[in-house]
C-alpha atoms as a PDB file:
ATOM      1  CA  MET A   1      -8.238  16.789   7.650  1.00  0.00           C
ATOM      2  CA  ALA A   2      -8.994  14.069  10.338  1.00  0.00           C
ATOM      3  CA  ILE A   3      -6.293  14.755  12.901  1.00  0.00           C
ATOM      4  CA  VAL A   4      -6.721  14.423  16.660  1.00  0.00           C
ATOM      5  CA  THR A   5      -3.961  16.246  18.384  1.00  0.00           C
ATOM      6  CA  ALA A   6      -2.764  14.346  21.395  1.00  0.00           C
ATOM      7  CA  GLN A   7      -4.016  15.703  24.752  1.00  0.00           C
ATOM      8  CA  ARG A   8      -1.656  13.630  26.935  1.00  0.00           C
ATOM      9  CA  LEU A   9       2.106  14.123  27.370  1.00  0.00           C
ATOM     10  CA  VAL A  10       3.247  10.627  26.453  1.00  0.00           C
ATOM     11  CA  THR A  11       6.655   9.383  25.338  1.00  0.00           C
ATOM     12  CA  ILE A  12       6.881   6.696  22.685  1.00  0.00           C
ATOM     13  CA  GLU A  13       8.302   4.252  25.219  1.00  0.00           C
ATOM     14  CA  ARG A  14       5.347   4.724  27.535  1.00  0.00           C
ATOM     15  CA  HIS A  15       2.922   4.490  24.572  1.00  0.00           C
ATOM     16  CA  ILE A  16       4.511   1.164  23.379  1.00  0.00           C
ATOM     17  CA  ALA A  17       4.347  -0.224  27.009  1.00  0.00           C
ATOM     18  CA  GLU A  18       0.594   0.813  27.183  1.00  0.00           C
ATOM     19  CA  GLN A  19      -0.074  -0.920  23.894  1.00  0.00           C
ATOM     20  CA  GLU A  20       1.705  -4.115  24.962  1.00  0.00           C
ATOM     21  CA  HIS A  21      -0.324  -4.303  28.187  1.00  0.00           C
ATOM     22  CA  LEU A  22      -3.450  -4.670  25.909  1.00  0.00           C
ATOM     23  CA  HIS A  23      -2.097  -8.117  24.978  1.00  0.00           C
ATOM     24  CA  PRO A  24      -2.685 -10.679  27.727  1.00  0.00           C
ATOM     25  CA  HIS A  25       0.347 -12.815  26.860  1.00  0.00           C
ATOM     26  CA  ALA A  26       2.919  -9.991  26.318  1.00  0.00           C
ATOM     27  CA  THR A  27       6.429 -10.624  27.545  1.00  0.00           C
ATOM     28  CA  GLY A  28       7.949  -7.224  26.985  1.00  0.00           C
ATOM     29  CA  GLU A  29      10.146  -8.611  24.226  1.00  0.00           C
ATOM     30  CA  PHE A  30       8.368  -6.561  21.532  1.00  0.00           C
ATOM     31  CA  SER A  31       8.766  -3.392  23.546  1.00  0.00           C
ATOM     32  CA  ARG A  32      12.433  -3.977  23.938  1.00  0.00           C
ATOM     33  CA  LEU A  33      12.826  -4.596  20.162  1.00  0.00           C
ATOM     34  CA  LEU A  34      11.189  -1.192  19.518  1.00  0.00           C
ATOM     35  CA  ARG A  35      13.445   0.481  22.095  1.00  0.00           C
ATOM     36  CA  ASP A  36      16.528  -0.819  20.205  1.00  0.00           C
ATOM     37  CA  LEU A  37      15.162   0.420  16.889  1.00  0.00           C
ATOM     38  CA  LEU A  38      14.429   3.774  18.419  1.00  0.00           C
ATOM     39  CA  LEU A  39      18.040   4.057  19.504  1.00  0.00           C
ATOM     40  CA  ALA A  40      19.135   3.572  15.874  1.00  0.00           C
ATOM     41  CA  ILE A  41      16.524   6.198  14.705  1.00  0.00           C
ATOM     42  CA  ARG A  42      17.919   8.723  17.191  1.00  0.00           C
ATOM     43  CA  LEU A  43      21.477   8.163  15.946  1.00  0.00           C
ATOM     44  CA  ILE A  44      20.422   8.525  12.320  1.00  0.00           C
ATOM     45  CA  ALA A  45      18.493  11.708  13.161  1.00  0.00           C
ATOM     46  CA  ARG A  46      21.565  13.115  14.841  1.00  0.00           C
ATOM     47  CA  GLU A  47      23.667  12.602  11.730  1.00  0.00           C
ATOM     48  CA  VAL A  48      20.961  13.925   9.320  1.00  0.00           C
ATOM     49  CA  SER A  49      20.695  17.117  11.464  1.00  0.00           C
ATOM     50  CA  ARG A  50      24.467  17.675  11.136  1.00  0.00           C
ATOM     51  CA  ALA A  51      24.830  16.723   7.449  1.00  0.00           C
ATOM     52  CA  GLY A  52      27.087  19.257   5.710  1.00  0.00           C
ATOM     53  CA  LEU A  53      28.971  19.941   8.868  1.00  0.00           C
ATOM     54  CA  THR A  54      30.366  16.351   8.905  1.00  0.00           C
ATOM     55  CA  ASP A  55      31.680  14.091   6.203  1.00  0.00           C
ATOM     56  CA  ILE A  56      28.416  12.198   5.730  1.00  0.00           C
ATOM     57  CA  LEU A  57      27.179  13.685   2.395  1.00  0.00           C
ATOM     58  CA  GLY A  58      28.057  12.434  -1.109  1.00  0.00           C
ATOM     59  CA  LEU A  59      28.802   8.950  -2.520  1.00  0.00           C
ATOM     60  CA  THR A  60      30.684   6.114  -1.042  1.00  0.00           C
ATOM     61  CA  GLY A  61      31.996   5.086  -4.482  1.00  0.00           C
ATOM     62  CA  THR A  62      30.156   1.713  -4.279  1.00  0.00           C
ATOM     63  CA  THR A  63      26.882   0.372  -5.575  1.00  0.00           C
ATOM     64  CA  ASN A  64      24.205  -1.656  -3.837  1.00  0.00           C
ATOM     65  CA  ILE A  65      22.652  -4.901  -4.941  1.00  0.00           C
ATOM     66  CA  TYR A  66      20.373  -3.059  -7.350  1.00  0.00           C
ATOM     67  CA  GLY A  67      23.243  -1.350  -9.128  1.00  0.00           C
ATOM     68  CA  GLU A  68      22.459   1.982  -7.488  1.00  0.00           C
ATOM     69  CA  ALA A  69      25.135   4.291  -6.215  1.00  0.00           C
ATOM     70  CA  VAL A  70      25.366   4.197  -2.440  1.00  0.00           C
ATOM     71  CA  ARG A  71      25.505   7.439  -0.534  1.00  0.00           C
ATOM     72  CA  LYS A  72      27.470   7.794   2.708  1.00  0.00           C
ATOM     73  CA  LEU A  73      24.362   8.495   4.813  1.00  0.00           C
ATOM     74  CA  ASP A  74      22.645   5.399   3.281  1.00  0.00           C
ATOM     75  CA  SER A  75      25.541   3.217   4.350  1.00  0.00           C
ATOM     76  CA  TYR A  76      25.705   4.822   7.829  1.00  0.00           C
ATOM     77  CA  ALA A  77      21.970   4.339   8.488  1.00  0.00           C
ATOM     78  CA  ASN A  78      22.043   0.749   7.372  1.00  0.00           C
ATOM     79  CA  GLU A  79      24.954  -0.110   9.543  1.00  0.00           C
ATOM     80  CA  VAL A  80      23.566   1.743  12.675  1.00  0.00           C
ATOM     81  CA  ILE A  81      20.235  -0.213  12.435  1.00  0.00           C
ATOM     82  CA  ILE A  82      21.969  -3.535  12.080  1.00  0.00           C
ATOM     83  CA  ARG A  83      24.399  -2.766  14.964  1.00  0.00           C
ATOM     84  CA  ALA A  84      21.560  -1.560  17.216  1.00  0.00           C
ATOM     85  CA  MET A  85      19.350  -4.607  16.535  1.00  0.00           C
ATOM     86  CA  GLU A  86      21.843  -7.532  16.493  1.00  0.00           C
ATOM     87  CA  PRO A  87      22.649  -7.708  20.304  1.00  0.00           C
ATOM     88  CA  GLY A  88      19.120  -7.528  21.595  1.00  0.00           C
ATOM     89  CA  GLY A  89      18.080 -11.070  21.252  1.00  0.00           C
ATOM     90  CA  HIS A  90      14.669 -10.160  19.893  1.00  0.00           C
ATOM     91  CA  LEU A  91      15.199 -10.868  16.129  1.00  0.00           C
ATOM     92  CA  CYS A  92      15.989 -14.102  14.315  1.00  0.00           C
ATOM     93  CA  ALA A  93      16.634 -12.313  11.020  1.00  0.00           C
ATOM     94  CA  MET A  94      16.790  -8.969   9.286  1.00  0.00           C
ATOM     95  CA  ALA A  95      16.798  -7.832   5.712  1.00  0.00           C
ATOM     96  CA  SER A  96      17.652  -4.400   4.328  1.00  0.00           C
ATOM     97  CA  GLU A  97      17.297  -2.663   0.997  1.00  0.00           C
ATOM     98  CA  GLU A  98      20.981  -1.897   1.228  1.00  0.00           C
ATOM     99  CA  SER A  99      22.135  -5.440   2.074  1.00  0.00           C
ATOM    100  CA  ALA A 100      22.616  -8.485  -0.128  1.00  0.00           C
ATOM    101  CA  GLY A 101      20.516 -11.282   1.230  1.00  0.00           C
ATOM    102  CA  PRO A 102      19.130 -11.841   4.737  1.00  0.00           C
ATOM    103  CA  ILE A 103      21.056 -11.144   7.910  1.00  0.00           C
ATOM    104  CA  ILE A 104      20.705 -14.271  10.107  1.00  0.00           C
ATOM    105  CA  LEU A 105      21.268 -13.804  13.830  1.00  0.00           C
ATOM    106  CA  PRO A 106      23.358 -16.456  15.699  1.00  0.00           C
ATOM    107  CA  PRO A 107      21.479 -19.007  17.880  1.00  0.00           C
ATOM    108  CA  GLU A 108      22.508 -17.379  21.164  1.00  0.00           C
ATOM    109  CA  ARG A 109      20.945 -14.064  20.073  1.00  0.00           C
ATOM    110  CA  ARG A 110      17.982 -15.341  18.171  1.00  0.00           C
ATOM    111  CA  GLY A 111      14.412 -14.158  19.000  1.00  0.00           C
ATOM    112  CA  LYS A 112      10.998 -14.606  17.436  1.00  0.00           C
ATOM    113  CA  TYR A 113      10.722 -11.461  15.291  1.00  0.00           C
ATOM    114  CA  ILE A 114      11.932 -10.439  11.772  1.00  0.00           C
ATOM    115  CA  LEU A 115      12.818  -6.841  10.814  1.00  0.00           C
ATOM    116  CA  LEU A 116      12.680  -5.701   7.231  1.00  0.00           C
ATOM    117  CA  PHE A 117      13.805  -2.060   6.594  1.00  0.00           C
ATOM    118  CA  ASP A 118      14.800   0.617   4.091  1.00  0.00           C
ATOM    119  CA  PRO A 119      17.447   2.531   6.144  1.00  0.00           C
ATOM    120  CA  LEU A 120      17.208   5.731   4.203  1.00  0.00           C
ATOM    121  CA  ASP A 121      14.426   6.470   1.735  1.00  0.00           C
ATOM    122  CA  GLY A 122      14.799   9.344  -0.731  1.00  0.00           C
ATOM    123  CA  SER A 123      18.535   8.969  -1.321  1.00  0.00           C
ATOM    124  CA  THR A 124      18.519  11.410  -4.237  1.00  0.00           C
ATOM    125  CA  ASN A 125      17.367  14.115  -1.848  1.00  0.00           C
ATOM    126  CA  ILE A 126      20.014  13.611   0.848  1.00  0.00           C
ATOM    127  CA  ASP A 127      22.506  16.152  -0.469  1.00  0.00           C
ATOM    128  CA  VAL A 128      20.078  18.984  -1.016  1.00  0.00           C
ATOM    129  CA  ASN A 129      18.407  19.084   2.387  1.00  0.00           C
ATOM    130  CA  VAL A 130      14.975  17.700   1.267  1.00  0.00           C
ATOM    131  CA  THR A 131      12.963  15.386   3.588  1.00  0.00           C
ATOM    132  CA  ILE A 132      14.228  11.818   3.718  1.00  0.00           C
ATOM    133  CA  GLY A 133      13.151   8.910   5.789  1.00  0.00           C
ATOM    134  CA  THR A 134      13.523   5.427   7.383  1.00  0.00           C
ATOM    135  CA  ILE A 135      10.888   2.721   6.775  1.00  0.00           C
ATOM    136  CA  PHE A 136      10.501  -0.471   8.857  1.00  0.00           C
ATOM    137  CA  SER A 137       8.356  -3.539   9.023  1.00  0.00           C
ATOM    138  CA  ILE A 138       8.177  -6.180  11.779  1.00  0.00           C
ATOM    139  CA  TYR A 139       6.930  -9.752  11.429  1.00  0.00           C
ATOM    140  CA  ARG A 140       6.586 -12.631  13.877  1.00  0.00           C
ATOM    141  CA  ARG A 141       8.616 -15.672  12.967  1.00  0.00           C
ATOM    142  CA  PRO A 142       6.132 -18.415  11.870  1.00  0.00           C
ATOM    143  CA  VAL A 143       8.407 -21.116  13.425  1.00  0.00           C
ATOM    144  CA  GLU A 144       8.572 -21.251  17.271  1.00  0.00           C
ATOM    145  CA  ASP A 145      11.902 -23.193  17.367  1.00  0.00           C
ATOM    146  CA  THR A 146      14.516 -20.394  17.674  1.00  0.00           C
ATOM    147  CA  SER A 147      17.389 -22.933  17.519  1.00  0.00           C
ATOM    148  CA  ARG A 148      16.564 -23.529  13.864  1.00  0.00           C
ATOM    149  CA  GLU A 149      18.162 -21.166  11.382  1.00  0.00           C
ATOM    150  CA  PRO A 150      15.498 -19.052   9.703  1.00  0.00           C
ATOM    151  CA  SER A 151      14.782 -19.856   6.106  1.00  0.00           C
ATOM    152  CA  ILE A 152      14.314 -17.298   3.292  1.00  0.00           C
ATOM    153  CA  GLU A 153      10.576 -18.331   3.117  1.00  0.00           C
ATOM    154  CA  GLU A 154      10.123 -17.090   6.669  1.00  0.00           C
ATOM    155  CA  LEU A 155      11.079 -13.553   5.521  1.00  0.00           C
ATOM    156  CA  LEU A 156       8.814 -13.719   2.461  1.00  0.00           C
ATOM    157  CA  GLN A 157       5.524 -13.234   4.353  1.00  0.00           C
ATOM    158  CA  PRO A 158       2.624 -11.194   2.850  1.00  0.00           C
ATOM    159  CA  GLY A 159       2.088  -7.698   4.294  1.00  0.00           C
ATOM    160  CA  CYS A 160      -1.071  -8.714   6.068  1.00  0.00           C
ATOM    161  CA  ARG A 161       1.107 -10.630   8.586  1.00  0.00           C
ATOM    162  CA  GLN A 162       2.964  -7.552   9.752  1.00  0.00           C
ATOM    163  CA  VAL A 163       2.717  -7.061  13.489  1.00  0.00           C
ATOM    164  CA  ALA A 164       4.033  -3.469  13.287  1.00  0.00           C
ATOM    165  CA  ALA A 165       5.239  -0.951  10.684  1.00  0.00           C
ATOM    166  CA  GLY A 166       6.333   2.626  10.682  1.00  0.00           C
ATOM    167  CA  TYR A 167       8.488   5.293   9.092  1.00  0.00           C
ATOM    168  CA  VAL A 168      10.464   8.282  10.235  1.00  0.00           C
ATOM    169  CA  CYS A 169      10.534  11.586   8.307  1.00  0.00           C
ATOM    170  CA  TYR A 170      13.657  13.609   8.791  1.00  0.00           C
ATOM    171  CA  GLY A 171      12.485  17.053   7.819  1.00  0.00           C
ATOM    172  CA  SER A 172      11.645  20.377   9.545  1.00  0.00           C
ATOM    173  CA  SER A 173      11.035  18.207  12.568  1.00  0.00           C
ATOM    174  CA  ILE A 174      11.633  14.455  13.028  1.00  0.00           C
ATOM    175  CA  THR A 175       8.422  12.600  12.926  1.00  0.00           C
ATOM    176  CA  LEU A 176       7.713   8.932  13.630  1.00  0.00           C
ATOM    177  CA  VAL A 177       4.479   7.395  12.240  1.00  0.00           C
ATOM    178  CA  TYR A 178       3.729   3.984  13.710  1.00  0.00           C
ATOM    179  CA  SER A 179       1.186   1.244  14.022  1.00  0.00           C
ATOM    180  CA  THR A 180       0.823  -2.107  15.725  1.00  0.00           C
ATOM    181  CA  GLY A 181      -2.533  -2.904  14.160  1.00  0.00           C
ATOM    182  CA  ARG A 182      -4.503  -0.595  16.400  1.00  0.00           C
ATOM    183  CA  GLY A 183      -4.627   2.522  14.243  1.00  0.00           C
ATOM    184  CA  VAL A 184      -1.830   5.006  13.445  1.00  0.00           C
ATOM    185  CA  ASP A 185      -0.198   7.343  15.929  1.00  0.00           C
ATOM    186  CA  VAL A 186       2.287  10.076  15.198  1.00  0.00           C
ATOM    187  CA  PHE A 187       5.250  11.091  17.385  1.00  0.00           C
ATOM    188  CA  THR A 188       7.528  14.149  17.190  1.00  0.00           C
ATOM    189  CA  TYR A 189      11.089  14.162  18.400  1.00  0.00           C
ATOM    190  CA  ASP A 190      12.292  16.720  20.968  1.00  0.00           C
ATOM    191  CA  PRO A 191      16.029  16.848  20.433  1.00  0.00           C
ATOM    192  CA  THR A 192      16.566  18.820  23.695  1.00  0.00           C
ATOM    193  CA  LEU A 193      15.165  15.932  25.659  1.00  0.00           C
ATOM    194  CA  GLY A 194      16.085  13.143  23.284  1.00  0.00           C
ATOM    195  CA  GLU A 195      12.460  11.889  23.438  1.00  0.00           C
ATOM    196  CA  PHE A 196       9.707  11.175  20.948  1.00  0.00           C
ATOM    197  CA  PHE A 197       6.310  12.588  22.168  1.00  0.00           C
ATOM    198  CA  LEU A 198       2.905  11.534  21.000  1.00  0.00           C
ATOM    199  CA  THR A 199       1.523  14.459  18.942  1.00  0.00           C
ATOM    200  CA  VAL A 200      -1.409  12.937  16.893  1.00  0.00           C
ATOM    201  CA  GLU A 201      -3.527  10.001  18.187  1.00  0.00           C
ATOM    202  CA  GLN A 202      -5.304   7.758  15.885  1.00  0.00           C
ATOM    203  CA  LEU A 203      -4.626   9.542  12.629  1.00  0.00           C
ATOM    204  CA  ARG A 204      -7.428   9.062  10.011  1.00  0.00           C
ATOM    205  CA  ILE A 205      -6.956   9.659   6.326  1.00  0.00           C
ATOM    206  CA  PRO A 206      -9.817  11.654   4.597  1.00  0.00           C
ATOM    207  CA  ARG A 207     -12.062   9.496   2.358  1.00  0.00           C
ATOM    208  CA  ARG A 208     -11.136  11.693  -0.605  1.00  0.00           C
ATOM    209  CA  GLY A 209      -8.518  14.409  -1.092  1.00  0.00           C
ATOM    210  CA  LYS A 210      -7.656  17.021  -3.674  1.00  0.00           C
ATOM    211  CA  GLN A 211      -3.949  16.220  -4.258  1.00  0.00           C
ATOM    212  CA  TYR A 212      -2.129  13.580  -6.286  1.00  0.00           C
ATOM    213  CA  SER A 213       1.468  12.548  -6.048  1.00  0.00           C
ATOM    214  CA  ILE A 214       3.332  11.056  -9.021  1.00  0.00           C
ATOM    215  CA  ASN A 215       6.422  11.615 -11.125  1.00  0.00           C
ATOM    216  CA  GLU A 216       4.833  12.991 -14.208  1.00  0.00           C
ATOM    217  CA  GLY A 217       8.285  12.961 -15.971  1.00  0.00           C
ATOM    218  CA  ASN A 218       7.580   9.325 -16.718  1.00  0.00           C
ATOM    219  CA  ALA A 219       4.133   9.998 -18.282  1.00  0.00           C
ATOM    220  CA  LEU A 220       4.944   9.005 -21.871  1.00  0.00           C
ATOM    221  CA  ARG A 221       5.951   5.467 -20.532  1.00  0.00           C
ATOM    222  CA  TRP A 222       2.659   4.846 -18.628  1.00  0.00           C
ATOM    223  CA  ASP A 223      -0.271   2.673 -19.605  1.00  0.00           C
ATOM    224  CA  PRO A 224      -2.729   4.886 -21.595  1.00  0.00           C
ATOM    225  CA  ARG A 225      -5.401   4.258 -18.953  1.00  0.00           C
ATOM    226  CA  LEU A 226      -3.205   5.768 -16.308  1.00  0.00           C
ATOM    227  CA  GLN A 227      -2.573   8.710 -18.592  1.00  0.00           C
ATOM    228  CA  GLN A 228      -6.374   9.127 -18.783  1.00  0.00           C
ATOM    229  CA  TYR A 229      -6.678   9.105 -15.044  1.00  0.00           C
ATOM    230  CA  ILE A 230      -4.106  11.807 -14.665  1.00  0.00           C
ATOM    231  CA  GLN A 231      -5.834  13.887 -17.248  1.00  0.00           C
ATOM    232  CA  TYR A 232      -9.143  13.317 -15.432  1.00  0.00           C
ATOM    233  CA  LEU A 233      -7.558  14.649 -12.195  1.00  0.00           C
ATOM    234  CA  LYS A 234      -6.392  17.751 -13.975  1.00  0.00           C
ATOM    235  CA  THR A 235      -9.719  18.464 -15.758  1.00  0.00           C
ATOM    236  CA  PRO A 236     -11.995  20.962 -13.905  1.00  0.00           C
ATOM    237  CA  SER A 237     -15.267  19.519 -12.866  1.00  0.00           C
ATOM    238  CA  GLY A 238     -18.659  21.331 -12.492  1.00  0.00           C
ATOM    239  CA  ASP A 239     -18.900  20.547  -8.788  1.00  0.00           C
ATOM    240  CA  GLY A 240     -15.453  21.985  -7.961  1.00  0.00           C
ATOM    241  CA  SER A 241     -14.028  18.654  -6.864  1.00  0.00           C
ATOM    242  CA  ARG A 242     -11.347  18.825  -9.640  1.00  0.00           C
ATOM    243  CA  PRO A 243      -8.736  19.776 -10.669  1.00  0.00           C
ATOM    244  CA  TYR A 244      -6.408  18.115  -8.158  1.00  0.00           C
ATOM    245  CA  ALA A 245      -3.144  19.761  -7.159  1.00  0.00           C
ATOM    246  CA  LEU A 246       0.148  17.937  -8.046  1.00  0.00           C
ATOM    247  CA  ARG A 247       2.435  17.492  -5.034  1.00  0.00           C
ATOM    248  CA  TYR A 248       5.576  15.332  -5.493  1.00  0.00           C
ATOM    249  CA  ILE A 249       8.775  15.397  -3.382  1.00  0.00           C
ATOM    250  CA  GLY A 250      10.457  12.231  -4.560  1.00  0.00           C
ATOM    251  CA  THR A 251      10.898  10.713  -1.115  1.00  0.00           C
ATOM    252  CA  ALA A 252       8.108   8.104  -0.754  1.00  0.00           C
ATOM    253  CA  VAL A 253       7.748   8.613   3.051  1.00  0.00           C
ATOM    254  CA  ALA A 254       7.330  12.432   2.584  1.00  0.00           C
ATOM    255  CA  ASP A 255       4.770  12.058  -0.121  1.00  0.00           C
ATOM    256  CA  VAL A 256       2.808   9.396   1.702  1.00  0.00           C
ATOM    257  CA  HIS A 257       3.086  11.459   4.957  1.00  0.00           C
ATOM    258  CA  ARG A 258       1.252  14.301   3.169  1.00  0.00           C
ATOM    259  CA  VAL A 259      -1.425  11.973   1.766  1.00  0.00           C
ATOM    260  CA  LEU A 260      -2.012  10.463   5.159  1.00  0.00           C
ATOM    261  CA  HIS A 261      -2.756  13.962   6.602  1.00  0.00           C
ATOM    262  CA  TYR A 262      -4.485  15.658   3.661  1.00  0.00           C
ATOM    263  CA  GLY A 263      -5.859  12.825   1.626  1.00  0.00           C
ATOM    264  CA  GLY A 264      -5.600  12.161  -2.105  1.00  0.00           C
ATOM    265  CA  ILE A 265      -3.438   9.543  -3.812  1.00  0.00           C
ATOM    266  CA  PHE A 266       0.212   8.592  -4.060  1.00  0.00           C
ATOM    267  CA  MET A 267       1.221   6.652  -7.159  1.00  0.00           C
ATOM    268  CA  TYR A 268       4.392   4.879  -8.189  1.00  0.00           C
ATOM    269  CA  PRO A 269       3.152   2.940 -11.245  1.00  0.00           C
ATOM    270  CA  ALA A 270       4.770   0.414 -13.523  1.00  0.00           C
ATOM    271  CA  ASP A 271       5.887   1.796 -16.887  1.00  0.00           C
ATOM    272  CA  SER A 272       7.531   0.581 -20.066  1.00  0.00           C
ATOM    273  CA  ALA A 273      10.972   0.963 -18.426  1.00  0.00           C
ATOM    274  CA  ASN A 274       9.926  -0.708 -15.119  1.00  0.00           C
ATOM    275  CA  PRO A 275       7.123  -3.143 -16.079  1.00  0.00           C
ATOM    276  CA  ASN A 276       6.990  -4.630 -12.512  1.00  0.00           C
ATOM    277  CA  GLY A 277       7.122  -1.218 -10.799  1.00  0.00           C
ATOM    278  CA  LYS A 278      10.069   0.224  -8.983  1.00  0.00           C
ATOM    279  CA  LEU A 279       9.267   0.326  -5.245  1.00  0.00           C
ATOM    280  CA  ARG A 280      10.234  -2.715  -3.244  1.00  0.00           C
ATOM    281  CA  LEU A 281       7.364  -4.763  -1.857  1.00  0.00           C
ATOM    282  CA  LEU A 282       8.995  -5.794   1.402  1.00  0.00           C
ATOM    283  CA  TYR A 283      10.918  -2.682   2.308  1.00  0.00           C
ATOM    284  CA  GLU A 284       8.650   0.109   1.070  1.00  0.00           C
ATOM    285  CA  ALA A 285       5.193  -0.922  -0.281  1.00  0.00           C
ATOM    286  CA  ASN A 286       4.167  -3.320   2.469  1.00  0.00           C
ATOM    287  CA  PRO A 287       4.877  -1.017   5.516  1.00  0.00           C
ATOM    288  CA  LEU A 288       3.423   1.998   3.824  1.00  0.00           C
ATOM    289  CA  ALA A 289       0.319   0.141   2.742  1.00  0.00           C
ATOM    290  CA  TYR A 290      -0.065  -1.217   6.197  1.00  0.00           C
ATOM    291  CA  LEU A 291       0.015   2.272   7.750  1.00  0.00           C
ATOM    292  CA  VAL A 292      -2.377   3.722   5.147  1.00  0.00           C
ATOM    293  CA  GLU A 293      -4.922   0.955   5.718  1.00  0.00           C
ATOM    294  CA  GLN A 294      -4.584   1.214   9.480  1.00  0.00           C
ATOM    295  CA  ALA A 295      -5.502   4.867   9.007  1.00  0.00           C
ATOM    296  CA  GLY A 296      -8.629   4.032   6.922  1.00  0.00           C
ATOM    297  CA  GLY A 297      -7.051   4.271   3.513  1.00  0.00           C
ATOM    298  CA  ARG A 298      -6.619   1.859   0.617  1.00  0.00           C
ATOM    299  CA  ALA A 299      -3.497   0.446  -0.987  1.00  0.00           C
ATOM    300  CA  SER A 300      -3.098  -1.687  -4.162  1.00  0.00           C
ATOM    301  CA  ASP A 301      -0.866  -2.450  -7.078  1.00  0.00           C
ATOM    302  CA  GLY A 302      -3.729  -1.254  -9.339  1.00  0.00           C
ATOM    303  CA  THR A 303      -5.585  -4.555  -9.361  1.00  0.00           C
ATOM    304  CA  ARG A 304      -5.118  -6.333  -5.918  1.00  0.00           C
ATOM    305  CA  PRO A 305      -4.423  -5.280  -2.313  1.00  0.00           C
ATOM    306  CA  ILE A 306      -0.743  -4.777  -1.684  1.00  0.00           C
ATOM    307  CA  LEU A 307      -1.047  -6.554   1.670  1.00  0.00           C
ATOM    308  CA  SER A 308      -2.346  -9.781  -0.036  1.00  0.00           C
ATOM    309  CA  ILE A 309       0.630 -10.224  -2.288  1.00  0.00           C
ATOM    310  CA  GLN A 310       2.723 -13.275  -1.536  1.00  0.00           C
ATOM    311  CA  PRO A 311       6.384 -12.226  -2.029  1.00  0.00           C
ATOM    312  CA  HIS A 312       8.670 -14.465  -4.091  1.00  0.00           C
ATOM    313  CA  SER A 313      11.981 -12.663  -3.377  1.00  0.00           C
ATOM    314  CA  LEU A 314      13.509 -10.095  -1.015  1.00  0.00           C
ATOM    315  CA  ASP A 315      14.018  -7.597  -3.900  1.00  0.00           C
ATOM    316  CA  GLN A 316      10.587  -7.962  -5.459  1.00  0.00           C
ATOM    317  CA  ARG A 317       9.147  -4.685  -6.946  1.00  0.00           C
ATOM    318  CA  VAL A 318       5.542  -3.728  -7.270  1.00  0.00           C
ATOM    319  CA  PRO A 319       3.453  -0.801  -8.662  1.00  0.00           C
ATOM    320  CA  LEU A 320       1.904   1.183  -5.792  1.00  0.00           C
ATOM    321  CA  PHE A 321      -1.351   3.192  -5.485  1.00  0.00           C
ATOM    322  CA  LEU A 322      -2.243   4.274  -1.987  1.00  0.00           C
ATOM    323  CA  GLY A 323      -4.177   7.021  -0.227  1.00  0.00           C
ATOM    324  CA  SER A 324      -7.810   7.986   0.408  1.00  0.00           C
ATOM    325  CA  PRO A 325     -10.049   4.951  -0.283  1.00  0.00           C
ATOM    326  CA  GLU A 326     -12.322   6.761  -2.780  1.00  0.00           C
ATOM    327  CA  ASP A 327      -9.313   8.135  -4.785  1.00  0.00           C
ATOM    328  CA  VAL A 328      -7.642   4.731  -4.948  1.00  0.00           C
ATOM    329  CA  ALA A 329     -10.805   2.948  -5.896  1.00  0.00           C
ATOM    330  CA  GLU A 330     -11.357   5.495  -8.686  1.00  0.00           C
ATOM    331  CA  ALA A 331      -7.767   5.004  -9.968  1.00  0.00           C
ATOM    332  CA  GLU A 332      -8.317   1.160 -10.013  1.00  0.00           C
ATOM    333  CA  ALA A 333     -11.546   1.808 -12.116  1.00  0.00           C
ATOM    334  CA  PHE A 334      -9.508   3.700 -14.661  1.00  0.00           C
ATOM    335  CA  LEU A 335      -6.831   1.039 -14.787  1.00  0.00           C
ATOM    336  CA  ARG A 336      -9.679  -1.499 -15.564  1.00  0.00           C
ATOM    337  CA  GLY A 337     -11.005   0.808 -18.222  1.00  0.00           C
ATOM    338  CA  GLU A 338     -14.411   0.954 -16.336  1.00  0.00           C
ATOM    339  CA  HIS A 339     -14.655   4.595 -15.297  1.00  0.00           C
ATOM    340  CA  PRO A 340     -17.548   6.519 -16.799  1.00  0.00           C
ATOM    341  CA  TRP A 341     -15.302   9.427 -17.701  1.00  0.00           C
ATOM    342  CA  GLN A 342     -13.318   7.188 -19.951  1.00  0.00           C
ATOM    343  CA  ARG A 343     -16.478   6.217 -21.887  1.00  0.00           C
ATOM    344  CA  SER A 344     -17.573   9.761 -22.152  1.00  0.00           C
ATOM    345  CA  ALA A 345     -14.148  10.829 -23.420  1.00  0.00           C
ATOM    346  CA  ALA A 346     -14.165   8.039 -25.980  1.00  0.00           C
ATOM    347  CA  ALA A 347     -17.594   9.035 -27.216  1.00  0.00           C
ATOM    348  CA  THR A 348     -16.523  12.680 -27.474  1.00  0.00           C
ATOM    349  CA  ALA A 349     -13.561  11.593 -29.561  1.00  0.00           C
ATOM    350  CA  LEU A 350     -15.876   9.834 -32.020  1.00  0.00           C
END
């Protein structure tokens, strides 16, 4: 496990400032944007830690734009992020998994960045005290004229144009995993001080792991080649590299967090019920793929890099395979029908 524990006592605000000083034309605007986002994250963390003691669990009785039941904590997290980010003057637009359409900032509060976010990932786990999370993605507006109202096309940028991405895990501790394109750093929240401290510098994912993460309850709806790959992972090998262990929480940020630390592969594939996949490209797949690639991993939809995909809508869905580079490459070979194990299995069947 390639983890370098931080040797310095550094808050996230100081770390962000140090990173910004590496850019010769930095204005401090990006640092202030992240400061506002961190305020929202602290407020969400406070409510998560008190869930069950306050009236924040359960359903609101409404559905979101995807027809899914909205939980109270979902709605709270969405509103807190919007309210924290609107006044700062750093964004020209936002889009959230829980909101219908883009949120355009007025001209007097319009900046040069775009924020896309999933306010609370893992909604089905909220009420049972299982890890949940927040995912965010930041882009620079491609148009310099902030007086012009942002177009939907400006929000539909491929993931390779992200200038920063991150996620927060609300679990046994509150952990923020974050990158601005210079590797991945991990911060842990100290609630007694109200500060995030750097705890892992330059996290690197192992080139291969021994764990896989997927919802096998959907196995009968998968492509047969994916079924073969999962069977391959569970088949003992002579060199001891297999079988892999199944680890699945059902909160994407929690499953990806484990893969980032221990290696292996996380999969949320297409199936006969969801032929285009289920995870949202802009709110989930792109930021998670960005972080994994910044840590030395690999992320694809099974055939092409996630970060190369040109979005066509805010709610676009994609299959997702990410994790250790050798594991993801092997999964892709299975999906192409080109892995030697498939040929040997076919020959044995004959």
